[in-house]
PDB file of N, CA and C in Angstrom:
ATOM      1  N   MET A   1       0.835  -1.170   0.000  1.00  0.00           N
ATOM      2  CA  MET A   1       0.000   0.000   0.000  1.00  0.00           C
ATOM      3  C   MET A   1       0.892   1.250   0.000  1.00  0.00           C
ATOM      4  N   LYS A   2       0.597   2.149  -0.868  1.00  0.00           N
ATOM      5  CA  LYS A   2       1.375   3.378  -0.974  1.00  0.00           C
ATOM      6  C   LYS A   2       0.842   4.429  -0.001  1.00  0.00           C
ATOM      7  N   THR A   3       1.771   5.230   0.510  1.00  0.00           N
ATOM      8  CA  THR A   3       1.358   6.300   1.417  1.00  0.00           C
ATOM      9  C   THR A   3       0.909   7.508   0.608  1.00  0.00           C
ATOM     10  N   LYS A   4       0.082   8.323   1.203  1.00  0.00           N
ATOM     11  CA  LYS A   4      -0.397   9.522   0.529  1.00  0.00           C
ATOM     12  C   LYS A   4       0.693  10.580   0.427  1.00  0.00           C
ATOM     13  N   THR A   5       1.576  10.601   1.401  1.00  0.00           N
ATOM     14  CA  THR A   5       2.601  11.644   1.449  1.00  0.00           C
ATOM     15  C   THR A   5       3.650  11.473   0.353  1.00  0.00           C
ATOM     16  N   THR A   6       4.212  10.282   0.235  1.00  0.00           N
ATOM     17  CA  THR A   6       5.309  10.071  -0.716  1.00  0.00           C
ATOM     18  C   THR A   6       4.891   9.323  -1.969  1.00  0.00           C
ATOM     19  N   GLY A   7       3.800   8.603  -1.898  1.00  0.00           N
ATOM     20  CA  GLY A   7       3.391   7.785  -3.032  1.00  0.00           C
ATOM     21  C   GLY A   7       4.170   6.484  -3.127  1.00  0.00           C
ATOM     22  N   LEU A   8       4.973   6.194  -2.117  1.00  0.00           N
ATOM     23  CA  LEU A   8       5.770   4.975  -2.090  1.00  0.00           C
ATOM     24  C   LEU A   8       5.370   4.140  -0.882  1.00  0.00           C
ATOM     25  N   SER A   9       5.599   2.830  -0.974  1.00  0.00           N
ATOM     26  CA  SER A   9       5.199   1.933   0.106  1.00  0.00           C
ATOM     27  C   SER A   9       6.157   2.010   1.288  1.00  0.00           C
ATOM     28  N   ALA A  10       5.677   1.554   2.418  1.00  0.00           N
ATOM     29  CA  ALA A  10       6.518   1.512   3.622  1.00  0.00           C
ATOM     30  C   ALA A  10       7.696   0.579   3.410  1.00  0.00           C
ATOM     31  N   SER A  11       7.476  -0.541   2.735  1.00  0.00           N
ATOM     32  CA  SER A  11       8.581  -1.482   2.502  1.00  0.00           C
ATOM     33  C   SER A  11       9.668  -0.849   1.643  1.00  0.00           C
ATOM     34  N   TYR A  12       9.296   0.023   0.722  1.00  0.00           N
ATOM     35  CA  TYR A  12      10.291   0.732  -0.080  1.00  0.00           C
ATOM     36  C   TYR A  12      11.181   1.591   0.818  1.00  0.00           C
ATOM     37  N   HIS A  13      10.555   2.338   1.718  1.00  0.00           N
ATOM     38  CA  HIS A  13      11.308   3.209   2.618  1.00  0.00           C
ATOM     39  C   HIS A  13      12.205   2.401   3.560  1.00  0.00           C
ATOM     40  N   ILE A  14      11.686   1.283   4.046  1.00  0.00           N
ATOM     41  CA  ILE A  14      12.481   0.419   4.923  1.00  0.00           C
ATOM     42  C   ILE A  14      13.679  -0.135   4.168  1.00  0.00           C
ATOM     43  N   ASN A  15      13.441  -0.630   2.957  1.00  0.00           N
ATOM     44  CA  ASN A  15      14.543  -1.167   2.154  1.00  0.00           C
ATOM     45  C   ASN A  15      15.586  -0.104   1.851  1.00  0.00           C
ATOM     46  N   GLN A  16      15.163   1.101   1.581  1.00  0.00           N
ATOM     47  CA  GLN A  16      16.110   2.186   1.308  1.00  0.00           C
ATOM     48  C   GLN A  16      16.983   2.463   2.519  1.00  0.00           C
ATOM     49  N   ARG A  17      16.385   2.431   3.696  1.00  0.00           N
ATOM     50  CA  ARG A  17      17.151   2.673   4.925  1.00  0.00           C
ATOM     51  C   ARG A  17      18.143   1.549   5.191  1.00  0.00           C
ATOM     52  N   VAL A  18      17.709   0.310   4.951  1.00  0.00           N
ATOM     53  CA  VAL A  18      18.588  -0.845   5.140  1.00  0.00           C
ATOM     54  C   VAL A  18      19.754  -0.784   4.153  1.00  0.00           C
ATOM     55  N   ILE A  19      19.480  -0.438   2.906  1.00  0.00           N
ATOM     56  CA  ILE A  19      20.531  -0.341   1.894  1.00  0.00           C
ATOM     57  C   ILE A  19      21.497   0.783   2.245  1.00  0.00           C
ATOM     58  N   LEU A  20      20.989   1.894   2.718  1.00  0.00           N
ATOM     59  CA  LEU A  20      21.856   3.001   3.136  1.00  0.00           C
ATOM     60  C   LEU A  20      22.801   2.558   4.257  1.00  0.00           C
ATOM     61  N   GLU A  21      22.265   1.843   5.228  1.00  0.00           N
ATOM     62  CA  GLU A  21      23.097   1.346   6.324  1.00  0.00           C
ATOM     63  C   GLU A  21      24.103   0.318   5.817  1.00  0.00           C
ATOM     64  N   ALA A  22      23.692  -0.533   4.897  1.00  0.00           N
ATOM     65  CA  ALA A  22      24.608  -1.517   4.317  1.00  0.00           C
ATOM     66  C   ALA A  22      25.755  -0.813   3.598  1.00  0.00           C
ATOM     67  N   LYS A  23      25.444   0.218   2.845  1.00  0.00           N
ATOM     68  CA  LYS A  23      26.493   0.988   2.156  1.00  0.00           C
ATOM     69  C   LYS A  23      27.459   1.603   3.161  1.00  0.00           C
ATOM     70  N   ARG A  24      26.922   2.157   4.237  1.00  0.00           N
ATOM     71  CA  ARG A  24      27.767   2.769   5.258  1.00  0.00           C
ATOM     72  C   ARG A  24      28.710   1.741   5.864  1.00  0.00           C
ATOM     73  N   LEU A  25      28.164   0.570   6.196  1.00  0.00           N
ATOM     74  CA  LEU A  25      28.988  -0.480   6.786  1.00  0.00           C
ATOM     75  C   LEU A  25      30.009  -1.015   5.791  1.00  0.00           C
ATOM     76  N   LEU A  26      29.621  -1.178   4.551  1.00  0.00           N
ATOM     77  CA  LEU A  26      30.562  -1.669   3.538  1.00  0.00           C
ATOM     78  C   LEU A  26      31.709  -0.691   3.339  1.00  0.00           C
ATOM     79  N   TYR A  27      31.430   0.588   3.454  1.00  0.00           N
ATOM     80  CA  TYR A  27      32.454   1.608   3.256  1.00  0.00           C
ATOM     81  C   TYR A  27      33.370   1.746   4.470  1.00  0.00           C
ATOM     82  N   HIS A  28      32.784   1.730   5.661  1.00  0.00           N
ATOM     83  CA  HIS A  28      33.550   2.053   6.862  1.00  0.00           C
ATOM     84  C   HIS A  28      34.015   0.850   7.679  1.00  0.00           C
ATOM     85  N   ALA A  29      33.323  -0.258   7.615  1.00  0.00           N
ATOM     86  CA  ALA A  29      33.631  -1.400   8.480  1.00  0.00           C
ATOM     87  C   ALA A  29      34.483  -2.435   7.757  1.00  0.00           C
ATOM     88  N   ASP A  30      35.161  -3.237   8.530  1.00  0.00           N
ATOM     89  CA  ASP A  30      36.001  -4.292   7.973  1.00  0.00           C
ATOM     90  C   ASP A  30      35.309  -5.646   7.942  1.00  0.00           C
ATOM     91  N   GLU A  31      34.082  -5.722   8.425  1.00  0.00           N
ATOM     92  CA  GLU A  31      33.361  -6.985   8.442  1.00  0.00           C
ATOM     93  C   GLU A  31      33.077  -7.468   7.022  1.00  0.00           C
ATOM     94  N   SER A  32      32.916  -8.765   6.895  1.00  0.00           N
ATOM     95  CA  SER A  32      32.590  -9.353   5.594  1.00  0.00           C
ATOM     96  C   SER A  32      31.150  -9.014   5.220  1.00  0.00           C
ATOM     97  N   VAL A  33      30.813  -9.235   3.974  1.00  0.00           N
ATOM     98  CA  VAL A  33      29.438  -9.004   3.516  1.00  0.00           C
ATOM     99  C   VAL A  33      28.485  -9.890   4.305  1.00  0.00           C
ATOM    100  N   LYS A  34      28.898 -11.105   4.558  1.00  0.00           N
ATOM    101  CA  LYS A  34      28.065 -12.030   5.342  1.00  0.00           C
ATOM    102  C   LYS A  34      27.815 -11.471   6.736  1.00  0.00           C
ATOM    103  N   GLU A  35      28.849 -10.981   7.397  1.00  0.00           N
ATOM    104  CA  GLU A  35      28.696 -10.425   8.739  1.00  0.00           C
ATOM    105  C   GLU A  35      27.810  -9.182   8.736  1.00  0.00           C
ATOM    106  N   ILE A  36      27.926  -8.371   7.700  1.00  0.00           N
ATOM    107  CA  ILE A  36      27.090  -7.170   7.588  1.00  0.00           C
ATOM    108  C   ILE A  36      25.631  -7.565   7.380  1.00  0.00           C
ATOM    109  N   ALA A  37      25.396  -8.539   6.518  1.00  0.00           N
ATOM    110  CA  ALA A  37      24.031  -9.003   6.266  1.00  0.00           C
ATOM    111  C   ALA A  37      23.395  -9.505   7.552  1.00  0.00           C
ATOM    112  N   ILE A  38      24.131 -10.282   8.315  1.00  0.00           N
ATOM    113  CA  ILE A  38      23.614 -10.809   9.579  1.00  0.00           C
ATOM    114  C   ILE A  38      23.365  -9.670  10.569  1.00  0.00           C
ATOM    115  N   ALA A  39      24.272  -8.715  10.629  1.00  0.00           N
ATOM    116  CA  ALA A  39      24.107  -7.574  11.532  1.00  0.00           C
ATOM    117  C   ALA A  39      22.863  -6.754  11.196  1.00  0.00           C
ATOM    118  N   LEU A  40      22.496  -6.741   9.926  1.00  0.00           N
ATOM    119  CA  LEU A  40      21.311  -5.992   9.495  1.00  0.00           C
ATOM    120  C   LEU A  40      20.031  -6.809   9.613  1.00  0.00           C
ATOM    121  N   GLY A  41      20.144  -8.039  10.135  1.00  0.00           N
ATOM    122  CA  GLY A  41      18.961  -8.849  10.400  1.00  0.00           C
ATOM    123  C   GLY A  41      18.597  -9.843   9.322  1.00  0.00           C
ATOM    124  N   PHE A  42      19.476 -10.073   8.372  1.00  0.00           N
ATOM    125  CA  PHE A  42      19.204 -11.026   7.304  1.00  0.00           C
ATOM    126  C   PHE A  42      19.719 -12.405   7.706  1.00  0.00           C
ATOM    127  N   ASP A  43      18.829 -13.388   7.717  1.00  0.00           N
ATOM    128  CA  ASP A  43      19.235 -14.770   7.972  1.00  0.00           C
ATOM    129  C   ASP A  43      19.786 -15.408   6.704  1.00  0.00           C
ATOM    130  N   ASP A  44      19.330 -14.931   5.573  1.00  0.00           N
ATOM    131  CA  ASP A  44      19.722 -15.459   4.268  1.00  0.00           C
ATOM    132  C   ASP A  44      20.615 -14.436   3.571  1.00  0.00           C
ATOM    133  N   VAL A  45      21.904 -14.721   3.548  1.00  0.00           N
ATOM    134  CA  VAL A  45      22.872 -13.792   2.961  1.00  0.00           C
ATOM    135  C   VAL A  45      22.629 -13.637   1.457  1.00  0.00           C
ATOM    136  N   ALA A  46      22.206 -14.700   0.810  1.00  0.00           N
ATOM    137  CA  ALA A  46      21.919 -14.631  -0.633  1.00  0.00           C
ATOM    138  C   ALA A  46      20.782 -13.643  -0.905  1.00  0.00           C
ATOM    139  N   TYR A  47      19.773 -13.631  -0.042  1.00  0.00           N
ATOM    140  CA  TYR A  47      18.669 -12.677  -0.201  1.00  0.00           C
ATOM    141  C   TYR A  47      19.171 -11.250  -0.030  1.00  0.00           C
ATOM    142  N   PHE A  48      20.016 -11.028   0.980  1.00  0.00           N
ATOM    143  CA  PHE A  48      20.605  -9.703   1.169  1.00  0.00           C
ATOM    144  C   PHE A  48      21.364  -9.283  -0.090  1.00  0.00           C
ATOM    145  N   SER A  49      22.142 -10.188  -0.641  1.00  0.00           N
ATOM    146  CA  SER A  49      22.930  -9.872  -1.835  1.00  0.00           C
ATOM    147  C   SER A  49      22.035  -9.510  -3.017  1.00  0.00           C
ATOM    148  N   ARG A  50      20.946 -10.257  -3.206  1.00  0.00           N
ATOM    149  CA  ARG A  50      20.006  -9.953  -4.292  1.00  0.00           C
ATOM    150  C   ARG A  50      19.330  -8.604  -4.080  1.00  0.00           C
ATOM    151  N   LEU A  51      18.912  -8.332  -2.851  1.00  0.00           N
ATOM    152  CA  LEU A  51      18.261  -7.064  -2.527  1.00  0.00           C
ATOM    153  C   LEU A  51      19.220  -5.898  -2.759  1.00  0.00           C
ATOM    154  N   PHE A  52      20.456  -6.049  -2.317  1.00  0.00           N
ATOM    155  CA  PHE A  52      21.453  -4.992  -2.484  1.00  0.00           C
ATOM    156  C   PHE A  52      21.674  -4.725  -3.969  1.00  0.00           C
ATOM    157  N   LYS A  53      21.872  -5.772  -4.746  1.00  0.00           N
ATOM    158  CA  LYS A  53      22.126  -5.597  -6.184  1.00  0.00           C
ATOM    159  C   LYS A  53      20.911  -4.979  -6.883  1.00  0.00           C
ATOM    160  N   LYS A  54      19.720  -5.363  -6.473  1.00  0.00           N
ATOM    161  CA  LYS A  54      18.497  -4.815  -7.074  1.00  0.00           C
ATOM    162  C   LYS A  54      18.403  -3.308  -6.845  1.00  0.00           C
ATOM    163  N   HIS A  55      18.734  -2.863  -5.637  1.00  0.00           N
ATOM    164  CA  HIS A  55      18.583  -1.451  -5.292  1.00  0.00           C
ATOM    165  C   HIS A  55      19.775  -0.585  -5.687  1.00  0.00           C
ATOM    166  N   VAL A  56      20.970  -1.167  -5.697  1.00  0.00           N
ATOM    167  CA  VAL A  56      22.173  -0.377  -5.950  1.00  0.00           C
ATOM    168  C   VAL A  56      22.681  -0.551  -7.380  1.00  0.00           C
ATOM    169  N   GLY A  57      22.408  -1.699  -7.963  1.00  0.00           N
ATOM    170  CA  GLY A  57      22.844  -1.942  -9.334  1.00  0.00           C
ATOM    171  C   GLY A  57      24.186  -2.638  -9.437  1.00  0.00           C
ATOM    172  N   THR A  58      24.766  -2.968  -8.305  1.00  0.00           N
ATOM    173  CA  THR A  58      26.026  -3.695  -8.271  1.00  0.00           C
ATOM    174  C   THR A  58      26.041  -4.562  -7.020  1.00  0.00           C
ATOM    175  N   THR A  59      26.943  -5.518  -6.977  1.00  0.00           N
ATOM    176  CA  THR A  59      27.018  -6.380  -5.806  1.00  0.00           C
ATOM    177  C   THR A  59      27.645  -5.632  -4.639  1.00  0.00           C
ATOM    178  N   ALA A  60      27.426  -6.149  -3.452  1.00  0.00           N
ATOM    179  CA  ALA A  60      27.999  -5.530  -2.253  1.00  0.00           C
ATOM    180  C   ALA A  60      29.530  -5.557  -2.313  1.00  0.00           C
ATOM    181  N   ILE A  61      30.088  -6.633  -2.808  1.00  0.00           N
ATOM    182  CA  ILE A  61      31.546  -6.746  -2.912  1.00  0.00           C
ATOM    183  C   ILE A  61      32.095  -5.713  -3.891  1.00  0.00           C
ATOM    184  N   ASN A  62      31.449  -5.565  -5.039  1.00  0.00           N
ATOM    185  CA  ASN A  62      31.901  -4.571  -6.013  1.00  0.00           C
ATOM    186  C   ASN A  62      31.716  -3.149  -5.488  1.00  0.00           C
ATOM    187  N   PHE A  63      30.621  -2.924  -4.754  1.00  0.00           N
ATOM    188  CA  PHE A  63      30.405  -1.606  -4.153  1.00  0.00           C
ATOM    189  C   PHE A  63      31.561  -1.287  -3.220  1.00  0.00           C
ATOM    190  N   ARG A  64      31.948  -2.239  -2.403  1.00  0.00           N
ATOM    191  CA  ARG A  64      33.050  -2.015  -1.454  1.00  0.00           C
ATOM    192  C   ARG A  64      34.351  -1.729  -2.211  1.00  0.00           C
ATOM    193  N   LYS A  65      34.636  -2.495  -3.239  1.00  0.00           N
ATOM    194  CA  LYS A  65      35.867  -2.310  -4.004  1.00  0.00           C
ATOM    195  C   LYS A  65      35.917  -0.936  -4.671  1.00  0.00           C
ATOM    196  N   THR A  66      34.846  -0.544  -5.314  1.00  0.00           N
ATOM    197  CA  THR A  66      34.852   0.711  -6.053  1.00  0.00           C
ATOM    198  C   THR A  66      34.758   1.923  -5.145  1.00  0.00           C
ATOM    199  N   SER A  67      34.153   1.790  -3.988  1.00  0.00           N
ATOM    200  CA  SER A  67      34.029   2.937  -3.087  1.00  0.00           C
ATOM    201  C   SER A  67      35.314   3.195  -2.313  1.00  0.00           C
ATOM    202  N   GLN A  68      36.196   2.222  -2.269  1.00  0.00           N
ATOM    203  CA  GLN A  68      37.429   2.401  -1.526  1.00  0.00           C
ATOM    204  C   GLN A  68      38.625   2.663  -2.422  1.00  0.00           C
ATOM    205  N   ASP A  69      38.403   2.754  -3.703  1.00  0.00           N
ATOM    206  CA  ASP A  69      39.502   3.078  -4.646  1.00  0.00           C
ATOM    207  C   ASP A  69      39.789   4.547  -4.667  1.00  0.00           C
TER     208      ASP A  69
END
């Protein structure tokens, strides 16, 4: 269900916040992608990876590599 204020669903906003936090952790933390996924509440690391790639357009590993160059 879309909200009247933004026209976007609550799950969209939640996913955006989770992806933002994942990006922050990938950039600043030394933990593995698996550890970050678990820290963000994902039991299935593969699902986290698919969600990240869907929203960002690249894998979490590639995001980390390119953001630290």
